[in-house]
Amino acid sequence: MGDAIKMNMWFLGVVALWTVSLWLFYLGRHAGLNWFPRTVVTLMPLSVIVFTLFSLNLHRVAFEVMGGLRNGEVSPHDREYGVLFLFTLLSQLAIAPLLICYTVKVVQPRVTGK
């Protein structure tokens, strides 16, 4: 059972990476964004989502459901929660600079028409 949960977590990570890669490709090809606005537009919603899940204490529920953990099997997976906590910390630190960059690089040109 432990190997199945570990494989499920790895598959979840691969799917997340694939989804973000497709979003980056779309933003570059169809939205015509350069690398910096594309990075900001990608990281801003991800940071907000991770930070919000952690702030509302929903990260365990989302992690358990998406990772296939059931019936208190969480304790052997502290390493995975450590990675999740690291992502949350990085998201929290990145929200303010990303919001500023998002406003300057994405919203401002659309408002001013430049």
N, C-alpha and C. Protein backbone atom coordinates (compact mmCIF):
# COMPACT_ATOMS: atom_id res chain seq x y z
N MET A 1 0.82 -1.19 0.00
CA MET A 1 0.00 0.00 0.00
C MET A 1 0.87 1.26 0.00
N GLY A 2 1.98 1.21 0.73
CA GLY A 2 2.87 2.36 0.79
C GLY A 2 3.47 2.70 -0.57
N ASP A 3 3.83 1.64 -1.34
CA ASP A 3 4.38 1.88 -2.67
C ASP A 3 3.33 2.48 -3.61
N ALA A 4 2.09 2.04 -3.47
CA ALA A 4 1.02 2.58 -4.31
C ALA A 4 0.79 4.06 -3.99
N ILE A 5 0.84 4.42 -2.73
CA ILE A 5 0.65 5.82 -2.35
C ILE A 5 1.81 6.66 -2.87
N LYS A 6 3.04 6.12 -2.76
CA LYS A 6 4.21 6.84 -3.25
C LYS A 6 4.12 7.06 -4.77
N MET A 7 3.71 6.03 -5.49
CA MET A 7 3.55 6.16 -6.95
C MET A 7 2.45 7.17 -7.29
N ASN A 8 1.38 7.15 -6.50
CA ASN A 8 0.30 8.09 -6.72
C ASN A 8 0.78 9.53 -6.53
N MET A 9 1.62 9.76 -5.51
CA MET A 9 2.18 11.09 -5.28
C MET A 9 3.08 11.52 -6.43
N TRP A 10 3.92 10.62 -6.91
CA TRP A 10 4.77 10.95 -8.04
C TRP A 10 3.94 11.26 -9.29
N PHE A 11 2.90 10.48 -9.52
CA PHE A 11 2.04 10.72 -10.67
C PHE A 11 1.33 12.06 -10.54
N LEU A 12 0.91 12.40 -9.33
CA LEU A 12 0.29 13.69 -9.08
C LEU A 12 1.25 14.83 -9.41
N GLY A 13 2.51 14.68 -9.03
CA GLY A 13 3.52 15.69 -9.34
C GLY A 13 3.77 15.82 -10.84
N VAL A 14 3.80 14.68 -11.54
CA VAL A 14 4.01 14.71 -13.00
C VAL A 14 2.83 15.39 -13.69
N VAL A 15 1.63 15.08 -13.26
CA VAL A 15 0.44 15.72 -13.86
C VAL A 15 0.45 17.23 -13.60
N ALA A 16 0.82 17.64 -12.39
CA ALA A 16 0.89 19.07 -12.08
C ALA A 16 1.94 19.76 -12.93
N LEU A 17 3.10 19.13 -13.08
CA LEU A 17 4.16 19.70 -13.91
C LEU A 17 3.73 19.80 -15.37
N TRP A 18 3.06 18.78 -15.87
CA TRP A 18 2.56 18.78 -17.24
C TRP A 18 1.53 19.89 -17.45
N THR A 19 0.63 20.07 -16.50
CA THR A 19 -0.40 21.10 -16.61
C THR A 19 0.21 22.49 -16.62
N VAL A 20 1.17 22.73 -15.75
CA VAL A 20 1.83 24.04 -15.71
C VAL A 20 2.63 24.26 -16.99
N SER A 21 3.26 23.22 -17.51
CA SER A 21 4.01 23.34 -18.77
C SER A 21 3.09 23.69 -19.93
N LEU A 22 1.93 23.06 -19.98
CA LEU A 22 0.96 23.40 -21.03
C LEU A 22 0.49 24.84 -20.92
N TRP A 23 0.26 25.32 -19.69
CA TRP A 23 -0.16 26.70 -19.47
C TRP A 23 0.94 27.66 -19.93
N LEU A 24 2.21 27.36 -19.60
CA LEU A 24 3.32 28.20 -20.05
C LEU A 24 3.41 28.23 -21.58
N PHE A 25 3.23 27.08 -22.20
CA PHE A 25 3.25 27.00 -23.66
C PHE A 25 2.13 27.84 -24.27
N TYR A 26 0.94 27.73 -23.72
CA TYR A 26 -0.20 28.50 -24.22
C TYR A 26 0.06 30.00 -24.09
N LEU A 27 0.55 30.42 -22.92
CA LEU A 27 0.80 31.84 -22.71
C LEU A 27 1.87 32.38 -23.66
N GLY A 28 2.83 31.58 -24.00
CA GLY A 28 3.87 32.02 -24.93
C GLY A 28 3.40 32.03 -26.37
N ARG A 29 2.71 30.98 -26.76
CA ARG A 29 2.32 30.84 -28.16
C ARG A 29 1.09 31.67 -28.51
N HIS A 30 0.03 31.55 -27.73
CA HIS A 30 -1.24 32.17 -28.10
C HIS A 30 -1.47 33.53 -27.47
N ALA A 31 -0.96 33.76 -26.28
CA ALA A 31 -1.13 35.06 -25.65
C ALA A 31 0.02 36.00 -26.02
N GLY A 32 1.09 35.46 -26.57
CA GLY A 32 2.21 36.27 -27.02
C GLY A 32 3.00 36.94 -25.91
N LEU A 33 3.04 36.33 -24.74
CA LEU A 33 3.78 36.91 -23.63
C LEU A 33 5.24 36.47 -23.68
N ASN A 34 6.13 37.39 -23.33
CA ASN A 34 7.55 37.06 -23.21
C ASN A 34 7.76 36.25 -21.94
N TRP A 35 9.01 35.89 -21.67
CA TRP A 35 9.30 34.97 -20.56
C TRP A 35 8.92 35.55 -19.21
N PHE A 36 9.17 36.85 -18.97
CA PHE A 36 8.90 37.41 -17.64
C PHE A 36 7.41 37.52 -17.36
N PRO A 37 6.61 38.15 -18.24
CA PRO A 37 5.16 38.17 -17.98
C PRO A 37 4.55 36.77 -17.94
N ARG A 38 5.06 35.88 -18.76
CA ARG A 38 4.56 34.50 -18.76
C ARG A 38 4.82 33.82 -17.42
N THR A 39 6.01 34.03 -16.87
CA THR A 39 6.34 33.46 -15.56
C THR A 39 5.47 34.05 -14.46
N VAL A 40 5.26 35.36 -14.51
CA VAL A 40 4.44 36.03 -13.50
C VAL A 40 3.00 35.55 -13.58
N VAL A 41 2.45 35.47 -14.79
CA VAL A 41 1.07 35.03 -14.97
C VAL A 41 0.89 33.58 -14.56
N THR A 42 1.93 32.79 -14.65
CA THR A 42 1.86 31.40 -14.23
C THR A 42 1.98 31.26 -12.72
N LEU A 43 2.93 31.95 -12.13
CA LEU A 43 3.20 31.77 -10.70
C LEU A 43 2.21 32.48 -9.79
N MET A 44 1.61 33.58 -10.25
CA MET A 44 0.70 34.34 -9.39
C MET A 44 -0.50 33.49 -8.92
N PRO A 45 -1.27 32.91 -9.83
CA PRO A 45 -2.41 32.10 -9.35
C PRO A 45 -1.98 30.87 -8.57
N LEU A 46 -0.86 30.25 -8.95
CA LEU A 46 -0.39 29.08 -8.21
C LEU A 46 -0.02 29.45 -6.78
N SER A 47 0.64 30.58 -6.61
CA SER A 47 1.02 31.04 -5.27
C SER A 47 -0.21 31.34 -4.43
N VAL A 48 -1.18 31.99 -5.02
CA VAL A 48 -2.40 32.34 -4.28
C VAL A 48 -3.16 31.08 -3.89
N ILE A 49 -3.24 30.11 -4.79
CA ILE A 49 -3.96 28.87 -4.50
C ILE A 49 -3.29 28.11 -3.37
N VAL A 50 -1.97 27.93 -3.46
CA VAL A 50 -1.26 27.18 -2.42
C VAL A 50 -1.36 27.90 -1.08
N PHE A 51 -1.15 29.21 -1.08
CA PHE A 51 -1.22 29.97 0.17
C PHE A 51 -2.62 29.92 0.78
N THR A 52 -3.65 30.03 -0.06
CA THR A 52 -5.03 29.99 0.44
C THR A 52 -5.37 28.62 1.02
N LEU A 53 -4.99 27.55 0.33
CA LEU A 53 -5.25 26.20 0.85
C LEU A 53 -4.58 26.00 2.20
N PHE A 54 -3.35 26.47 2.32
CA PHE A 54 -2.64 26.29 3.58
C PHE A 54 -3.22 27.18 4.67
N SER A 55 -3.60 28.40 4.33
CA SER A 55 -4.16 29.32 5.32
C SER A 55 -5.49 28.83 5.87
N LEU A 56 -6.31 28.23 5.02
CA LEU A 56 -7.62 27.73 5.45
C LEU A 56 -7.54 26.30 5.97
N ASN A 57 -6.33 25.77 6.08
CA ASN A 57 -6.09 24.43 6.59
C ASN A 57 -6.78 23.37 5.72
N LEU A 58 -6.87 23.63 4.44
CA LEU A 58 -7.45 22.67 3.50
C LEU A 58 -6.37 21.88 2.76
N HIS A 59 -5.10 22.18 3.04
CA HIS A 59 -4.03 21.51 2.33
C HIS A 59 -4.01 20.01 2.63
N ARG A 60 -4.29 19.64 3.85
CA ARG A 60 -4.30 18.21 4.18
C ARG A 60 -5.41 17.47 3.44
N VAL A 61 -6.57 18.08 3.39
CA VAL A 61 -7.71 17.45 2.71
C VAL A 61 -7.39 17.30 1.22
N ALA A 62 -6.91 18.38 0.60
CA ALA A 62 -6.59 18.32 -0.83
C ALA A 62 -5.48 17.31 -1.09
N PHE A 63 -4.47 17.32 -0.23
CA PHE A 63 -3.34 16.41 -0.40
C PHE A 63 -3.78 14.96 -0.20
N GLU A 64 -4.63 14.71 0.78
CA GLU A 64 -5.09 13.35 1.04
C GLU A 64 -5.97 12.83 -0.08
N VAL A 65 -6.90 13.66 -0.56
CA VAL A 65 -7.80 13.22 -1.61
C VAL A 65 -7.05 13.02 -2.92
N MET A 66 -6.24 14.00 -3.31
CA MET A 66 -5.53 13.90 -4.59
C MET A 66 -4.40 12.87 -4.53
N GLY A 67 -3.82 12.67 -3.34
CA GLY A 67 -2.72 11.73 -3.21
C GLY A 67 -3.15 10.32 -2.91
N GLY A 68 -4.41 10.11 -2.61
CA GLY A 68 -4.91 8.78 -2.35
C GLY A 68 -4.67 8.30 -0.93
N LEU A 69 -4.42 9.22 0.01
CA LEU A 69 -4.21 8.83 1.40
C LEU A 69 -5.56 8.65 2.07
N ARG A 70 -5.70 7.61 2.85
CA ARG A 70 -6.97 7.31 3.50
C ARG A 70 -6.76 6.90 4.95
N ASN A 71 -7.76 7.14 5.78
CA ASN A 71 -7.85 6.60 7.14
C ASN A 71 -6.59 6.82 7.98
N GLY A 72 -6.18 8.05 8.08
CA GLY A 72 -5.07 8.36 8.98
C GLY A 72 -3.71 7.87 8.53
N GLU A 73 -3.52 7.63 7.26
CA GLU A 73 -2.24 7.17 6.74
C GLU A 73 -1.28 8.33 6.53
N VAL A 74 -1.56 9.47 7.13
CA VAL A 74 -0.79 10.67 6.87
C VAL A 74 0.55 10.65 7.58
N SER A 75 0.63 10.11 8.76
CA SER A 75 1.84 10.20 9.57
C SER A 75 3.10 9.64 8.91
N PRO A 76 3.06 8.57 8.13
CA PRO A 76 4.29 8.12 7.48
C PRO A 76 4.74 9.03 6.34
N HIS A 77 3.94 10.02 6.01
CA HIS A 77 4.23 10.86 4.84
C HIS A 77 4.58 12.28 5.23
N ASP A 78 5.32 12.41 6.30
CA ASP A 78 5.72 13.73 6.77
C ASP A 78 6.65 14.42 5.77
N ARG A 79 7.40 13.66 5.04
CA ARG A 79 8.31 14.25 4.05
C ARG A 79 7.52 14.97 2.96
N GLU A 80 6.41 14.36 2.52
CA GLU A 80 5.58 15.01 1.52
C GLU A 80 4.97 16.29 2.06
N TYR A 81 4.57 16.27 3.33
CA TYR A 81 4.03 17.48 3.94
C TYR A 81 5.12 18.53 4.11
N GLY A 82 6.34 18.11 4.30
CA GLY A 82 7.46 19.05 4.37
C GLY A 82 7.65 19.76 3.04
N VAL A 83 7.54 19.01 1.94
CA VAL A 83 7.63 19.62 0.61
C VAL A 83 6.47 20.59 0.41
N LEU A 84 5.29 20.19 0.81
CA LEU A 84 4.12 21.06 0.70
C LEU A 84 4.30 22.33 1.53
N PHE A 85 4.85 22.19 2.73
CA PHE A 85 5.11 23.35 3.57
C PHE A 85 6.14 24.27 2.92
N LEU A 86 7.17 23.71 2.30
CA LEU A 86 8.16 24.51 1.60
C LEU A 86 7.52 25.29 0.46
N PHE A 87 6.67 24.63 -0.34
CA PHE A 87 5.96 25.32 -1.41
C PHE A 87 5.07 26.43 -0.87
N THR A 88 4.45 26.19 0.27
CA THR A 88 3.60 27.20 0.88
C THR A 88 4.42 28.40 1.33
N LEU A 89 5.55 28.14 1.94
CA LEU A 89 6.41 29.23 2.38
C LEU A 89 6.91 30.05 1.20
N LEU A 90 7.34 29.37 0.15
CA LEU A 90 7.79 30.08 -1.05
C LEU A 90 6.65 30.86 -1.69
N SER A 91 5.46 30.30 -1.68
CA SER A 91 4.29 31.00 -2.23
C SER A 91 3.98 32.25 -1.43
N GLN A 92 4.05 32.13 -0.12
CA GLN A 92 3.75 33.28 0.74
C GLN A 92 4.77 34.39 0.50
N LEU A 93 6.04 34.04 0.36
CA LEU A 93 7.06 35.04 0.11
C LEU A 93 6.96 35.64 -1.29
N ALA A 94 6.42 34.89 -2.23
CA ALA A 94 6.37 35.35 -3.62
C ALA A 94 5.12 36.15 -3.96
N ILE A 95 4.08 36.10 -3.14
CA ILE A 95 2.82 36.74 -3.51
C ILE A 95 2.98 38.24 -3.72
N ALA A 96 3.62 38.95 -2.80
CA ALA A 96 3.74 40.41 -2.92
C ALA A 96 4.55 40.83 -4.15
N PRO A 97 5.76 40.28 -4.37
CA PRO A 97 6.48 40.67 -5.59
C PRO A 97 5.76 40.27 -6.87
N LEU A 98 5.13 39.10 -6.86
CA LEU A 98 4.39 38.68 -8.05
C LEU A 98 3.21 39.58 -8.33
N LEU A 99 2.52 40.02 -7.29
CA LEU A 99 1.39 40.93 -7.48
C LEU A 99 1.85 42.26 -8.07
N ILE A 100 2.97 42.77 -7.59
CA ILE A 100 3.51 44.02 -8.14
C ILE A 100 3.90 43.82 -9.61
N CYS A 101 4.62 42.76 -9.90
CA CYS A 101 5.02 42.48 -11.29
C CYS A 101 3.81 42.23 -12.17
N TYR A 102 2.83 41.53 -11.64
CA TYR A 102 1.61 41.25 -12.40
C TYR A 102 0.91 42.56 -12.77
N THR A 103 0.83 43.47 -11.82
CA THR A 103 0.18 44.75 -12.07
C THR A 103 0.96 45.56 -13.10
N VAL A 104 2.28 45.62 -12.95
CA VAL A 104 3.11 46.43 -13.84
C VAL A 104 3.19 45.84 -15.24
N LYS A 105 3.41 44.55 -15.33
CA LYS A 105 3.68 43.92 -16.65
C LYS A 105 2.42 43.45 -17.38
N VAL A 106 1.38 43.13 -16.67
CA VAL A 106 0.21 42.54 -17.33
C VAL A 106 -0.98 43.48 -17.33
N VAL A 107 -1.35 44.02 -16.18
CA VAL A 107 -2.56 44.82 -16.08
C VAL A 107 -2.34 46.22 -16.65
N GLN A 108 -1.23 46.88 -16.30
CA GLN A 108 -1.00 48.26 -16.72
C GLN A 108 -1.01 48.42 -18.24
N PRO A 109 -0.31 47.60 -19.03
CA PRO A 109 -0.38 47.77 -20.49
C PRO A 109 -1.79 47.59 -21.05
N ARG A 110 -2.58 46.76 -20.44
CA ARG A 110 -3.94 46.56 -20.94
C ARG A 110 -4.82 47.78 -20.64
N VAL A 111 -4.56 48.44 -19.52
CA VAL A 111 -5.36 49.61 -19.14
C VAL A 111 -4.95 50.82 -19.95
N THR A 112 -3.64 51.03 -20.10
CA THR A 112 -3.14 52.21 -20.82
C THR A 112 -3.15 52.02 -22.33
N GLY A 113 -3.29 50.79 -22.79
CA GLY A 113 -3.36 50.52 -24.22
C GLY A 113 -2.00 50.48 -24.91
N LYS A 114 -0.92 50.36 -24.15
CA LYS A 114 0.42 50.31 -24.75
C LYS A 114 0.83 48.91 -25.04
